[in-house]
Amino acid sequence: MNSTDYEKLNLSKQELKYVYSQIASKTTSKLDLHLPTSNNDPLKIKVASVLEEFLLGAFDMAKSGFVVDGNDMGTSKTAMSDILSLKARETVEPFDLETNARLRDILLKVEQETIEVTTLRRELPARAKQMYLELVSNTDKEVSAILEDLEKAAHTEEEASTAELERILPHIDEFVKDYESHIHILNELKRAIPSRKAELDSLTETIDFLEKAYSQQQKELI
């Protein structure tokens, strides 16, 4: 080692892998939060590739400050991906400013929607409770109004019945007398029917006798 080794971070290869894996895990968690889609989503795969290349590039730029397993990485030509035993991707599109801007816009929109969903999850129970209380209050008012109308209608009908009864009561004696008179007339008619029938039968026999006598007289004259 030279005199500047004390300024560098001494790590084993396993320790370096652990540091990288922790940072990569945090990056993946952020990606899953802002792009909650399946791992087969083309956009998510592209973003993950860009982030991995960016992270490896950051480790490559900082490798001069590492001493890994006693080897000064500042003088080593070995890539960090080889030290970390990571397979480089076959094709990686260049990370240009336009892609970066689009990625930022997408992440911003996802973050805004996440905030909106979180807000709705917090506010919806309160809104639902308020709507329920309003529904109960309105229903109670409507039921009370209906019951009040029914009570008024019943009271009005009772008053009308009372008024009609008061109108009839003074003449009830007359109604009773008329009823008794009609019953008496019906009874008289019932008793008179047999005698009237007998008179009718007698009259019929008399008419028959006269008709026969008249007919006999006419024959004798001829």
C-alpha atoms as a PDB file:
ATOM      1  CA  MET A   1       0.000   0.000   0.000  1.00  0.00           C
ATOM      2  CA  ASN A   2       1.168   3.589  -0.577  1.00  0.00           C
ATOM      3  CA  SER A   3       0.854   6.565   1.770  1.00  0.00           C
ATOM      4  CA  THR A   4      -2.584   7.562   0.458  1.00  0.00           C
ATOM      5  CA  ASP A   5      -4.310   4.259   1.199  1.00  0.00           C
ATOM      6  CA  TYR A   6      -5.538   5.488   4.556  1.00  0.00           C
ATOM      7  CA  GLU A   7      -7.802   7.988   2.747  1.00  0.00           C
ATOM      8  CA  LYS A   8      -9.578   5.206   0.852  1.00  0.00           C
ATOM      9  CA  LEU A   9     -12.390   2.937   1.989  1.00  0.00           C
ATOM     10  CA  ASN A  10     -11.172  -0.585   2.628  1.00  0.00           C
ATOM     11  CA  LEU A  11     -13.820  -3.179   1.849  1.00  0.00           C
ATOM     12  CA  SER A  12     -13.991  -6.827   1.046  1.00  0.00           C
ATOM     13  CA  LYS A  13     -15.675  -7.912  -2.158  1.00  0.00           C
ATOM     14  CA  GLN A  14     -18.652  -9.223  -0.170  1.00  0.00           C
ATOM     15  CA  GLU A  15     -18.977  -5.922   1.707  1.00  0.00           C
ATOM     16  CA  LEU A  16     -18.903  -4.000  -1.582  1.00  0.00           C
ATOM     17  CA  LYS A  17     -21.605  -6.292  -2.990  1.00  0.00           C
ATOM     18  CA  TYR A  18     -23.702  -5.704   0.132  1.00  0.00           C
ATOM     19  CA  VAL A  19     -23.410  -1.910  -0.203  1.00  0.00           C
ATOM     20  CA  TYR A  20     -24.345  -2.095  -3.887  1.00  0.00           C
ATOM     21  CA  SER A  21     -27.269  -4.475  -3.258  1.00  0.00           C
ATOM     22  CA  GLN A  22     -28.684  -2.180  -0.554  1.00  0.00           C
ATOM     23  CA  ILE A  23     -28.570   0.855  -2.845  1.00  0.00           C
ATOM     24  CA  ALA A  24     -30.013  -1.180  -5.756  1.00  0.00           C
ATOM     25  CA  SER A  25     -32.804  -2.483  -3.502  1.00  0.00           C
ATOM     26  CA  LYS A  26     -33.758   1.052  -2.457  1.00  0.00           C
ATOM     27  CA  THR A  27     -33.757   2.123  -6.110  1.00  0.00           C
ATOM     28  CA  THR A  28     -35.986  -0.823  -7.077  1.00  0.00           C
ATOM     29  CA  SER A  29     -38.405  -0.004  -4.244  1.00  0.00           C
ATOM     30  CA  LYS A  30     -38.690   3.581  -5.477  1.00  0.00           C
ATOM     31  CA  LEU A  31     -39.263   2.318  -9.013  1.00  0.00           C
ATOM     32  CA  ASP A  32     -42.025  -0.057  -7.848  1.00  0.00           C
ATOM     33  CA  LEU A  33     -43.636   2.804  -5.916  1.00  0.00           C
ATOM     34  CA  HIS A  34     -43.729   5.189  -8.864  1.00  0.00           C
ATOM     35  CA  LEU A  35     -44.369   2.526 -11.532  1.00  0.00           C
ATOM     36  CA  PRO A  36     -46.637  -0.038  -9.814  1.00  0.00           C
ATOM     37  CA  THR A  37     -46.880  -2.248 -12.899  1.00  0.00           C
ATOM     38  CA  SER A  38     -45.717  -5.787 -13.649  1.00  0.00           C
ATOM     39  CA  ASN A  39     -42.028  -6.513 -14.083  1.00  0.00           C
ATOM     40  CA  ASN A  40     -42.726  -7.335 -17.747  1.00  0.00           C
ATOM     41  CA  ASP A  41     -43.843  -3.783 -18.497  1.00  0.00           C
ATOM     42  CA  PRO A  42     -41.567  -2.457 -21.307  1.00  0.00           C
ATOM     43  CA  LEU A  43     -41.375   1.024 -19.798  1.00  0.00           C
ATOM     44  CA  LYS A  44     -40.491  -0.368 -16.375  1.00  0.00           C
ATOM     45  CA  ILE A  45     -37.785  -2.614 -17.872  1.00  0.00           C
ATOM     46  CA  LYS A  46     -36.303   0.352 -19.735  1.00  0.00           C
ATOM     47  CA  VAL A  47     -36.300   2.554 -16.644  1.00  0.00           C
ATOM     48  CA  ALA A  48     -34.773  -0.243 -14.534  1.00  0.00           C
ATOM     49  CA  SER A  49     -32.016  -0.672 -17.128  1.00  0.00           C
ATOM     50  CA  VAL A  50     -31.264   3.050 -17.131  1.00  0.00           C
ATOM     51  CA  LEU A  51     -31.166   3.147 -13.329  1.00  0.00           C
ATOM     52  CA  GLU A  52     -28.850   0.120 -13.162  1.00  0.00           C
ATOM     53  CA  GLU A  53     -26.452   1.644 -15.680  1.00  0.00           C
ATOM     54  CA  PHE A  54     -26.546   4.919 -13.777  1.00  0.00           C
ATOM     55  CA  LEU A  55     -25.791   3.147 -10.476  1.00  0.00           C
ATOM     56  CA  LEU A  56     -22.913   1.173 -11.998  1.00  0.00           C
ATOM     57  CA  GLY A  57     -21.568   4.365 -13.525  1.00  0.00           C
ATOM     58  CA  ALA A  58     -21.664   6.045 -10.126  1.00  0.00           C
ATOM     59  CA  PHE A  59     -19.724   3.147  -8.576  1.00  0.00           C
ATOM     60  CA  ASP A  60     -17.211   3.272 -11.444  1.00  0.00           C
ATOM     61  CA  MET A  61     -16.650   6.987 -10.844  1.00  0.00           C
ATOM     62  CA  ALA A  62     -16.171   6.373  -7.122  1.00  0.00           C
ATOM     63  CA  LYS A  63     -14.031   3.228  -7.414  1.00  0.00           C
ATOM     64  CA  SER A  64     -10.785   5.192  -7.053  1.00  0.00           C
ATOM     65  CA  GLY A  65     -11.774   5.713  -3.428  1.00  0.00           C
ATOM     66  CA  PHE A  66     -12.065   1.964  -2.748  1.00  0.00           C
ATOM     67  CA  VAL A  67      -9.561  -0.664  -1.775  1.00  0.00           C
ATOM     68  CA  VAL A  68     -11.237  -4.021  -2.379  1.00  0.00           C
ATOM     69  CA  ASP A  69      -9.632  -7.125  -0.916  1.00  0.00           C
ATOM     70  CA  GLY A  70      -6.351  -5.185  -0.723  1.00  0.00           C
ATOM     71  CA  ASN A  71      -6.481  -4.071  -4.371  1.00  0.00           C
ATOM     72  CA  ASP A  72      -6.400  -0.332  -5.079  1.00  0.00           C
ATOM     73  CA  MET A  73      -9.334   0.229  -7.405  1.00  0.00           C
ATOM     74  CA  GLY A  74      -7.903   3.584  -8.458  1.00  0.00           C
ATOM     75  CA  THR A  75      -5.230   1.832 -10.477  1.00  0.00           C
ATOM     76  CA  SER A  76      -7.322  -1.171 -11.482  1.00  0.00           C
ATOM     77  CA  LYS A  77      -8.797  -1.466 -14.961  1.00  0.00           C
ATOM     78  CA  THR A  78     -11.405  -3.941 -13.763  1.00  0.00           C
ATOM     79  CA  ALA A  79     -14.975  -2.665 -14.182  1.00  0.00           C
ATOM     80  CA  MET A  80     -17.186  -2.513 -11.121  1.00  0.00           C
ATOM     81  CA  SER A  81     -19.701  -4.807 -12.834  1.00  0.00           C
ATOM     82  CA  ASP A  82     -17.017  -7.496 -13.004  1.00  0.00           C
ATOM     83  CA  ILE A  83     -16.078  -7.012  -9.351  1.00  0.00           C
ATOM     84  CA  LEU A  84     -19.732  -7.219  -8.372  1.00  0.00           C
ATOM     85  CA  SER A  85     -20.149 -10.256 -10.677  1.00  0.00           C
ATOM     86  CA  LEU A  86     -22.963  -8.496 -12.565  1.00  0.00           C
ATOM     87  CA  LYS A  87     -23.677  -9.373 -16.174  1.00  0.00           C
ATOM     88  CA  ALA A  88     -23.818  -6.314 -18.354  1.00  0.00           C
ATOM     89  CA  ARG A  89     -26.941  -5.959 -20.460  1.00  0.00           C
ATOM     90  CA  GLU A  90     -26.504  -6.754 -24.104  1.00  0.00           C
ATOM     91  CA  THR A  91     -28.111  -3.526 -25.352  1.00  0.00           C
ATOM     92  CA  VAL A  92     -28.745  -0.351 -23.434  1.00  0.00           C
ATOM     93  CA  GLU A  93     -30.179   2.711 -25.092  1.00  0.00           C
ATOM     94  CA  PRO A  94     -28.240   5.905 -24.396  1.00  0.00           C
ATOM     95  CA  PHE A  95     -29.509   7.976 -21.489  1.00  0.00           C
ATOM     96  CA  ASP A  96     -30.183  11.306 -23.198  1.00  0.00           C
ATOM     97  CA  LEU A  97     -31.796  14.488 -21.895  1.00  0.00           C
ATOM     98  CA  GLU A  98     -35.087  13.861 -23.688  1.00  0.00           C
ATOM     99  CA  THR A  99     -35.484  10.423 -22.096  1.00  0.00           C
ATOM    100  CA  ASN A 100     -34.557  11.900 -18.733  1.00  0.00           C
ATOM    101  CA  ALA A 101     -37.182  14.636 -19.109  1.00  0.00           C
ATOM    102  CA  ARG A 102     -39.878  12.116 -20.095  1.00  0.00           C
ATOM    103  CA  LEU A 103     -38.928   9.895 -17.174  1.00  0.00           C
ATOM    104  CA  ARG A 104     -39.178  12.822 -14.770  1.00  0.00           C
ATOM    105  CA  ASP A 105     -42.619  13.740 -16.145  1.00  0.00           C
ATOM    106  CA  ILE A 106     -43.857  10.161 -15.761  1.00  0.00           C
ATOM    107  CA  LEU A 107     -42.511   9.870 -12.234  1.00  0.00           C
ATOM    108  CA  LEU A 108     -44.056  13.232 -11.328  1.00  0.00           C
ATOM    109  CA  LYS A 109     -47.472  12.170 -12.656  1.00  0.00           C
ATOM    110  CA  VAL A 110     -47.296   8.856 -10.826  1.00  0.00           C
ATOM    111  CA  GLU A 111     -46.308  10.644  -7.632  1.00  0.00           C
ATOM    112  CA  GLN A 112     -49.203  13.102  -8.003  1.00  0.00           C
ATOM    113  CA  GLU A 113     -51.656  10.245  -8.592  1.00  0.00           C
ATOM    114  CA  THR A 114     -50.227   8.394  -5.598  1.00  0.00           C
ATOM    115  CA  ILE A 115     -50.772  11.482  -3.445  1.00  0.00           C
ATOM    116  CA  GLU A 116     -54.324  11.815  -4.794  1.00  0.00           C
ATOM    117  CA  VAL A 117     -55.095   8.158  -4.048  1.00  0.00           C
ATOM    118  CA  THR A 118     -53.651   8.527  -0.550  1.00  0.00           C
ATOM    119  CA  THR A 119     -55.758  11.642   0.007  1.00  0.00           C
ATOM    120  CA  LEU A 120     -58.898   9.875  -1.215  1.00  0.00           C
ATOM    121  CA  ARG A 121     -58.231   6.898   1.045  1.00  0.00           C
ATOM    122  CA  ARG A 122     -58.002   9.301   3.958  1.00  0.00           C
ATOM    123  CA  GLU A 123     -60.980  11.485   3.016  1.00  0.00           C
ATOM    124  CA  LEU A 124     -63.439   8.935   1.580  1.00  0.00           C
ATOM    125  CA  PRO A 125     -64.398   7.369   4.949  1.00  0.00           C
ATOM    126  CA  ALA A 126     -65.185  10.840   6.323  1.00  0.00           C
ATOM    127  CA  ARG A 127     -67.192  11.702   3.188  1.00  0.00           C
ATOM    128  CA  ALA A 128     -69.070   8.394   3.364  1.00  0.00           C
ATOM    129  CA  LYS A 129     -69.892   9.003   7.026  1.00  0.00           C
ATOM    130  CA  GLN A 130     -71.147  12.526   6.258  1.00  0.00           C
ATOM    131  CA  MET A 131     -73.284  11.232   3.364  1.00  0.00           C
ATOM    132  CA  TYR A 132     -74.722   8.531   5.644  1.00  0.00           C
ATOM    133  CA  LEU A 133     -75.590  11.084   8.340  1.00  0.00           C
ATOM    134  CA  GLU A 134     -77.227  13.350   5.744  1.00  0.00           C
ATOM    135  CA  LEU A 135     -79.202  10.395   4.355  1.00  0.00           C
ATOM    136  CA  VAL A 136     -80.417   9.444   7.838  1.00  0.00           C
ATOM    137  CA  SER A 137     -81.356  13.061   8.595  1.00  0.00           C
ATOM    138  CA  ASN A 138     -83.217  13.548   5.294  1.00  0.00           C
ATOM    139  CA  THR A 139     -85.027  10.215   5.674  1.00  0.00           C
ATOM    140  CA  ASP A 140     -86.076  11.128   9.207  1.00  0.00           C
ATOM    141  CA  LYS A 141     -87.422  14.484   7.979  1.00  0.00           C
ATOM    142  CA  GLU A 142     -89.370  12.841   5.142  1.00  0.00           C
ATOM    143  CA  VAL A 143     -90.860  10.188   7.438  1.00  0.00           C
ATOM    144  CA  SER A 144     -91.808  12.851  10.000  1.00  0.00           C
ATOM    145  CA  ALA A 145     -93.490  14.923   7.274  1.00  0.00           C
ATOM    146  CA  ILE A 146     -95.460  11.894   6.019  1.00  0.00           C
ATOM    147  CA  LEU A 147     -96.598  11.001   9.553  1.00  0.00           C
ATOM    148  CA  GLU A 148     -97.632  14.614  10.154  1.00  0.00           C
ATOM    149  CA  ASP A 149     -99.679  14.633   6.925  1.00  0.00           C
ATOM    150  CA  LEU A 150    -101.364  11.356   7.898  1.00  0.00           C
ATOM    151  CA  GLU A 151    -102.163  12.724  11.341  1.00  0.00           C
ATOM    152  CA  LYS A 152    -103.662  15.890   9.829  1.00  0.00           C
ATOM    153  CA  ALA A 153    -105.719  13.825   7.368  1.00  0.00           C
ATOM    154  CA  ALA A 154    -107.023  11.593  10.165  1.00  0.00           C
ATOM    155  CA  HIS A 155    -107.876  14.639  12.277  1.00  0.00           C
ATOM    156  CA  THR A 156    -109.680  16.283   9.346  1.00  0.00           C
ATOM    157  CA  GLU A 157    -111.632  13.084   8.655  1.00  0.00           C
ATOM    158  CA  GLU A 158    -112.574  12.820  12.322  1.00  0.00           C
ATOM    159  CA  GLU A 159    -113.786  16.416  12.335  1.00  0.00           C
ATOM    160  CA  ALA A 160    -115.839  15.772   9.186  1.00  0.00           C
ATOM    161  CA  SER A 161    -117.404  12.664  10.733  1.00  0.00           C
ATOM    162  CA  THR A 162    -118.218  14.595  13.902  1.00  0.00           C
ATOM    163  CA  ALA A 163    -119.792  17.412  11.898  1.00  0.00           C
ATOM    164  CA  GLU A 164    -121.881  14.940   9.884  1.00  0.00           C
ATOM    165  CA  LEU A 165    -123.005  13.219  13.080  1.00  0.00           C
ATOM    166  CA  GLU A 166    -123.938  16.545  14.648  1.00  0.00           C
ATOM    167  CA  ARG A 167    -125.972  17.358  11.534  1.00  0.00           C
ATOM    168  CA  ILE A 168    -127.853  14.044  11.666  1.00  0.00           C
ATOM    169  CA  LEU A 169    -128.526  13.765  15.414  1.00  0.00           C
ATOM    170  CA  PRO A 170    -131.186  16.547  15.631  1.00  0.00           C
ATOM    171  CA  HIS A 171    -133.264  14.711  12.965  1.00  0.00           C
ATOM    172  CA  ILE A 172    -132.759  11.193  14.262  1.00  0.00           C
ATOM    173  CA  ASP A 173    -136.305  11.035  15.715  1.00  0.00           C
ATOM    174  CA  GLU A 174    -137.761  11.898  12.326  1.00  0.00           C
ATOM    175  CA  PHE A 175    -135.661   9.186  10.685  1.00  0.00           C
ATOM    176  CA  VAL A 176    -136.914   6.649  13.260  1.00  0.00           C
ATOM    177  CA  LYS A 177    -140.546   7.634  12.729  1.00  0.00           C
ATOM    178  CA  ASP A 178    -140.199   7.385   8.957  1.00  0.00           C
ATOM    179  CA  TYR A 179    -138.578   3.980   9.331  1.00  0.00           C
ATOM    180  CA  GLU A 180    -141.360   2.713  11.631  1.00  0.00           C
ATOM    181  CA  SER A 181    -144.019   4.106   9.297  1.00  0.00           C
ATOM    182  CA  HIS A 182    -142.557   2.289   6.303  1.00  0.00           C
ATOM    183  CA  ILE A 183    -142.285  -0.934   8.300  1.00  0.00           C
ATOM    184  CA  HIS A 184    -146.002  -0.600   9.277  1.00  0.00           C
ATOM    185  CA  ILE A 185    -147.014  -0.035   5.657  1.00  0.00           C
ATOM    186  CA  LEU A 186    -145.069  -3.116   4.581  1.00  0.00           C
ATOM    187  CA  ASN A 187    -146.754  -5.218   7.256  1.00  0.00           C
ATOM    188  CA  GLU A 188    -150.213  -3.990   6.197  1.00  0.00           C
ATOM    189  CA  LEU A 189    -149.441  -4.826   2.593  1.00  0.00           C
ATOM    190  CA  LYS A 190    -148.235  -8.257   3.623  1.00  0.00           C
ATOM    191  CA  ARG A 191    -151.483  -8.959   5.499  1.00  0.00           C
ATOM    192  CA  ALA A 192    -153.660  -7.558   2.684  1.00  0.00           C
ATOM    193  CA  ILE A 193    -152.103  -9.651  -0.078  1.00  0.00           C
ATOM    194  CA  PRO A 194    -154.143 -12.898   0.613  1.00  0.00           C
ATOM    195  CA  SER A 195    -157.482 -11.090   0.704  1.00  0.00           C
ATOM    196  CA  ARG A 196    -156.623  -9.105  -2.403  1.00  0.00           C
ATOM    197  CA  LYS A 197    -155.695 -12.347  -4.135  1.00  0.00           C
ATOM    198  CA  ALA A 198    -158.997 -13.964  -3.108  1.00  0.00           C
ATOM    199  CA  GLU A 199    -160.922 -10.968  -4.429  1.00  0.00           C
ATOM    200  CA  LEU A 200    -158.967 -11.144  -7.679  1.00  0.00           C
ATOM    201  CA  ASP A 201    -159.699 -14.864  -8.056  1.00  0.00           C
ATOM    202  CA  SER A 202    -163.410 -14.288  -7.396  1.00  0.00           C
ATOM    203  CA  LEU A 203    -163.490 -11.481  -9.917  1.00  0.00           C
ATOM    204  CA  THR A 204    -161.801 -13.699 -12.477  1.00  0.00           C
ATOM    205  CA  GLU A 205    -164.379 -16.459 -11.948  1.00  0.00           C
ATOM    206  CA  THR A 206    -167.211 -13.949 -12.315  1.00  0.00           C
ATOM    207  CA  ILE A 207    -165.785 -12.658 -15.583  1.00  0.00           C
ATOM    208  CA  ASP A 208    -165.437 -16.206 -16.901  1.00  0.00           C
ATOM    209  CA  PHE A 209    -169.047 -17.005 -15.956  1.00  0.00           C
ATOM    210  CA  LEU A 210    -170.362 -13.873 -17.645  1.00  0.00           C
ATOM    211  CA  GLU A 211    -168.371 -14.579 -20.782  1.00  0.00           C
ATOM    212  CA  LYS A 212    -169.752 -18.121 -20.979  1.00  0.00           C
ATOM    213  CA  ALA A 213    -173.329 -16.921 -20.369  1.00  0.00           C
ATOM    214  CA  TYR A 214    -172.995 -14.261 -23.027  1.00  0.00           C
ATOM    215  CA  SER A 215    -171.630 -16.785 -25.485  1.00  0.00           C
ATOM    216  CA  GLN A 216    -174.525 -19.212 -24.781  1.00  0.00           C
ATOM    217  CA  GLN A 217    -177.068 -16.455 -25.242  1.00  0.00           C
ATOM    218  CA  GLN A 218    -175.632 -15.534 -28.599  1.00  0.00           C
ATOM    219  CA  LYS A 219    -175.877 -19.133 -29.758  1.00  0.00           C
ATOM    220  CA  GLU A 220    -179.557 -19.364 -28.737  1.00  0.00           C
ATOM    221  CA  LEU A 221    -180.423 -16.203 -30.675  1.00  0.00           C
ATOM    222  CA  ILE A 222    -178.958 -17.673 -33.829  1.00  0.00           C
END
